[in-house]
Amino acid sequence: MKHQYYPPRYEQKQFHCPHCNVFASQSWYDLLINLHNSMTSTSFKGSYCAHCKKWGFWYNGRLIVPAESPVEPPHHDLPEACLSDYEEARDIVSRSPRGAVALLRLCLQKLMPHLGEDGKNINDDIKSLVTKGLPSLVQQALDVCRVVGNNAVHPGELDINDTPEIAHQLFRMINFIVEDRITRPKEIQALYSQLPQGAIDAIAKRDGSQ
């Protein structure tokens, strides 16, 4: 089961460390400049992770080091074909929300064959999944990624650079889709396969598949 992710936030006492990705306590320190033997305050701060003992450096409330944006890491079941696009989007989202969303749209398109679709047209793939009984909540998550992604690639009513928080939420949507469509079925199938063969045969007979 996927656990809640708490992204790094300025002056928060606990979050998932951008270095070790562990939810850990963070200590905060002002960074000073030694100017002619006089300590001068700056707009920089450092966060120190209690778990990995590494520093994050912030400027005017924004995480600068490490450069990777404080958004969700990829789901452990995200297919390898999608991983590089997700990671690149994660790396650039602070500098270019629009570019990150375009990469996540590509990530979604590459994900579709792993959901049983052909991956040529995302809208057609979603329609096909709906006819196969896709839950409405997952359909909405897919359409959020599709519509926002289309606005990043083509001129539209939504300006991604004006609403960068939408780009951040798209990472969560991708991971939600993977959790629901790939991880949960895999976990259920693994449990089902551990049932006694006699019970599996009885279920098959009950459902008319034998």
Protein backbone atom coordinates (compact mmCIF):
# COMPACT_ATOMS: atom_id res chain seq x y z
CA MET A 1 0.00 0.00 0.00
CA LYS A 2 1.34 3.40 -0.97
CA HIS A 3 2.01 5.70 1.99
CA GLN A 4 1.24 9.41 2.22
CA TYR A 5 4.03 11.59 0.84
CA TYR A 6 4.84 14.83 2.64
CA PRO A 7 6.93 17.02 0.30
CA PRO A 8 9.61 19.36 1.63
CA ARG A 9 8.10 22.64 2.78
CA TYR A 10 9.88 25.76 3.94
CA GLU A 11 10.46 25.81 7.72
CA GLN A 12 8.39 22.68 8.32
CA LYS A 13 9.66 20.49 11.16
CA GLN A 14 9.02 17.17 9.39
CA PHE A 15 8.74 16.05 5.77
CA HIS A 16 10.12 13.50 3.34
CA CYS A 17 13.77 14.38 2.94
CA PRO A 18 14.71 15.24 -0.67
CA HIS A 19 17.98 13.31 -0.18
CA CYS A 20 16.96 10.03 1.53
CA ASN A 21 13.17 10.24 0.94
CA VAL A 22 12.54 9.25 4.58
CA PHE A 23 9.89 11.08 6.59
CA ALA A 24 12.14 12.65 9.20
CA SER A 25 12.59 15.61 11.53
CA GLN A 26 14.27 18.66 10.06
CA SER A 27 16.30 21.30 11.91
CA TRP A 28 16.50 24.79 10.44
CA TYR A 29 19.43 27.21 10.48
CA ASP A 30 20.05 30.71 9.14
CA LEU A 31 23.00 30.92 6.75
CA LEU A 32 25.26 33.89 7.34
CA ILE A 33 28.03 35.53 5.33
CA ASN A 34 31.31 36.49 6.94
CA LEU A 35 31.83 39.94 5.46
CA HIS A 36 34.99 41.68 6.70
CA ASN A 37 34.87 39.67 9.93
CA SER A 38 31.25 40.63 10.47
CA MET A 39 28.45 38.07 10.17
CA THR A 40 25.71 39.29 7.84
CA SER A 41 22.30 37.68 7.46
CA THR A 42 21.10 36.35 4.10
CA SER A 43 17.93 35.05 2.50
CA PHE A 44 19.38 31.53 2.60
CA LYS A 45 18.43 28.84 5.12
CA GLY A 46 19.56 25.28 5.65
CA SER A 47 17.43 22.29 6.64
CA TYR A 48 19.26 19.40 8.32
CA CYS A 49 17.77 15.89 8.09
CA ALA A 50 17.83 13.89 11.33
CA HIS A 51 17.88 10.62 9.37
CA CYS A 52 20.53 10.97 6.65
CA LYS A 53 22.43 13.94 8.18
CA LYS A 54 22.38 15.82 4.88
CA TRP A 55 21.54 19.45 4.21
CA GLY A 56 18.92 21.08 2.05
CA PHE A 57 19.56 24.69 1.07
CA TRP A 58 16.75 27.17 0.55
CA TYR A 59 16.62 30.66 -0.92
CA ASN A 60 13.65 32.95 -0.24
CA GLY A 61 11.59 29.95 0.80
CA ARG A 62 12.45 27.87 -2.27
CA LEU A 63 14.47 24.65 -2.18
CA ILE A 64 17.62 25.15 -4.26
CA VAL A 65 19.81 22.16 -3.28
CA PRO A 66 19.09 19.43 -4.10
CA ALA A 67 17.74 20.82 -7.37
CA GLU A 68 15.16 18.05 -7.78
CA SER A 69 11.74 19.48 -7.13
CA PRO A 70 9.92 18.50 -3.91
CA VAL A 71 7.25 16.36 -5.53
CA GLU A 72 6.33 12.72 -5.13
CA PRO A 73 8.92 10.16 -6.22
CA PRO A 74 7.67 7.66 -8.81
CA HIS A 75 5.49 4.80 -7.60
CA HIS A 76 7.52 1.61 -7.18
CA ASP A 77 5.28 -0.10 -9.76
CA LEU A 78 5.60 2.63 -12.41
CA PRO A 79 6.75 0.73 -15.52
CA GLU A 80 10.36 1.23 -16.51
CA ALA A 81 9.34 2.67 -19.89
CA CYS A 82 7.69 5.58 -18.05
CA LEU A 83 10.35 6.14 -15.41
CA SER A 84 12.75 8.43 -17.27
CA ASP A 85 9.96 10.83 -18.31
CA TYR A 86 8.64 10.98 -14.74
CA GLU A 87 12.10 11.62 -13.29
CA GLU A 88 12.92 14.29 -15.88
CA ALA A 89 9.59 16.01 -15.17
CA ARG A 90 10.40 15.87 -11.46
CA ASP A 91 13.78 17.46 -12.11
CA ILE A 92 12.48 20.44 -14.13
CA VAL A 93 9.04 21.19 -12.65
CA SER A 94 10.29 24.12 -10.54
CA ARG A 95 11.99 25.72 -13.54
CA SER A 96 9.40 24.77 -16.17
CA PRO A 97 6.00 23.54 -14.95
CA ARG A 98 4.77 23.49 -18.54
CA GLY A 99 7.68 21.31 -19.66
CA ALA A 100 7.14 18.96 -16.73
CA VAL A 101 3.44 18.56 -17.56
CA ALA A 102 4.28 17.79 -21.20
CA LEU A 103 6.64 15.04 -20.00
CA LEU A 104 3.97 13.64 -17.68
CA ARG A 105 1.55 13.52 -20.59
CA LEU A 106 4.13 11.43 -22.47
CA CYS A 107 4.54 9.30 -19.36
CA LEU A 108 0.77 8.70 -19.30
CA GLN A 109 0.77 7.74 -22.98
CA LYS A 110 3.55 5.20 -22.37
CA LEU A 111 1.60 3.87 -19.38
CA MET A 112 -1.47 3.04 -21.46
CA PRO A 113 -0.13 -0.22 -23.00
CA HIS A 114 0.48 -1.45 -19.44
CA LEU A 115 -3.23 -0.86 -18.79
CA GLY A 116 -4.19 -2.97 -21.79
CA GLU A 117 -4.59 -0.18 -24.36
CA ASP A 118 -2.60 0.65 -27.51
CA GLY A 119 -1.20 4.01 -26.34
CA LYS A 120 -1.78 5.82 -29.64
CA ASN A 121 -4.57 8.17 -28.50
CA ILE A 122 -5.02 8.83 -24.79
CA ASN A 123 -8.65 9.94 -25.17
CA ASP A 124 -9.58 6.77 -27.07
CA ASP A 125 -7.69 4.67 -24.52
CA ILE A 126 -9.63 6.23 -21.63
CA LYS A 127 -12.91 5.64 -23.48
CA SER A 128 -11.94 1.99 -23.96
CA LEU A 129 -11.07 1.61 -20.28
CA VAL A 130 -14.43 3.14 -19.29
CA THR A 131 -16.29 0.57 -21.41
CA LYS A 132 -14.34 -2.12 -19.53
CA GLY A 133 -15.64 -0.86 -16.20
CA LEU A 134 -13.01 1.69 -15.18
CA PRO A 135 -14.04 3.35 -11.86
CA SER A 136 -15.10 6.97 -12.33
CA LEU A 137 -12.46 8.23 -9.89
CA VAL A 138 -9.65 6.69 -11.96
CA GLN A 139 -11.26 8.00 -15.17
CA GLN A 140 -11.22 11.50 -13.68
CA ALA A 141 -7.55 11.16 -12.72
CA LEU A 142 -6.71 10.03 -16.26
CA ASP A 143 -8.66 12.91 -17.79
CA VAL A 144 -6.96 15.42 -15.48
CA CYS A 145 -3.59 14.24 -16.79
CA ARG A 146 -4.85 14.22 -20.39
CA VAL A 147 -6.48 17.68 -20.37
CA VAL A 148 -3.70 19.40 -18.42
CA GLY A 149 -1.11 17.67 -20.60
CA ASN A 150 -2.83 18.82 -23.77
CA ASN A 151 -2.81 22.41 -22.50
CA ALA A 152 0.93 22.13 -21.96
CA VAL A 153 1.53 20.90 -25.50
CA HIS A 154 -1.05 23.03 -27.35
CA PRO A 155 -2.38 26.53 -26.63
CA GLY A 156 -5.43 26.27 -24.41
CA GLU A 157 -7.46 27.95 -21.70
CA LEU A 158 -5.15 26.75 -18.93
CA ASP A 159 -1.75 28.44 -18.55
CA ILE A 160 0.40 25.92 -16.68
CA ASN A 161 3.08 28.48 -15.83
CA ASP A 162 0.46 30.62 -14.09
CA THR A 163 -0.75 27.65 -12.03
CA PRO A 164 2.36 25.56 -11.25
CA GLU A 165 0.60 23.78 -8.38
CA ILE A 166 -1.39 21.88 -11.03
CA ALA A 167 1.87 20.45 -12.34
CA HIS A 168 2.75 19.28 -8.83
CA GLN A 169 -0.61 17.55 -8.45
CA LEU A 170 -0.13 15.68 -11.72
CA PHE A 171 2.68 13.62 -10.20
CA ARG A 172 0.21 12.49 -7.55
CA MET A 173 -2.35 11.62 -10.23
CA ILE A 174 0.13 9.43 -12.13
CA ASN A 175 1.03 7.57 -8.94
CA PHE A 176 -2.65 7.18 -8.02
CA ILE A 177 -3.37 5.61 -11.41
CA VAL A 178 -0.46 3.18 -11.05
CA GLU A 179 -1.55 2.24 -7.51
CA ASP A 180 -5.14 1.53 -8.57
CA ARG A 181 -4.57 -0.09 -11.97
CA ILE A 182 -1.30 -2.00 -11.44
CA THR A 183 -0.40 -2.42 -7.76
CA ARG A 184 -3.78 -3.33 -6.25
CA PRO A 185 -4.66 -5.99 -8.88
CA LYS A 186 -1.16 -7.47 -8.48
CA GLU A 187 -1.53 -7.66 -4.69
CA ILE A 188 -4.99 -9.23 -4.92
CA GLN A 189 -3.82 -11.78 -7.50
CA ALA A 190 -0.88 -12.72 -5.28
CA LEU A 191 -3.21 -13.36 -2.34
CA TYR A 192 -5.72 -15.24 -4.48
CA SER A 193 -3.02 -17.55 -5.84
CA GLN A 194 -2.23 -18.64 -2.28
CA LEU A 195 -5.71 -20.10 -1.78
CA PRO A 196 -5.94 -23.92 -1.75
CA GLN A 197 -6.42 -25.34 -5.23
CA GLY A 198 -9.69 -26.93 -4.15
CA ALA A 199 -11.08 -23.55 -3.17
CA ILE A 200 -9.95 -22.01 -6.47
CA ASP A 201 -11.64 -24.87 -8.41
CA ALA A 202 -14.84 -24.39 -6.40
CA ILE A 203 -14.85 -20.66 -7.16
CA ALA A 204 -14.31 -21.35 -10.86
CA LYS A 205 -17.20 -23.82 -10.85
CA ARG A 206 -19.43 -21.35 -9.03
CA ASP A 207 -18.66 -18.65 -11.60
CA GLY A 208 -19.11 -20.98 -14.56
CA SER A 209 -15.52 -20.78 -15.76
CA GLN A 210 -15.05 -24.58 -15.52
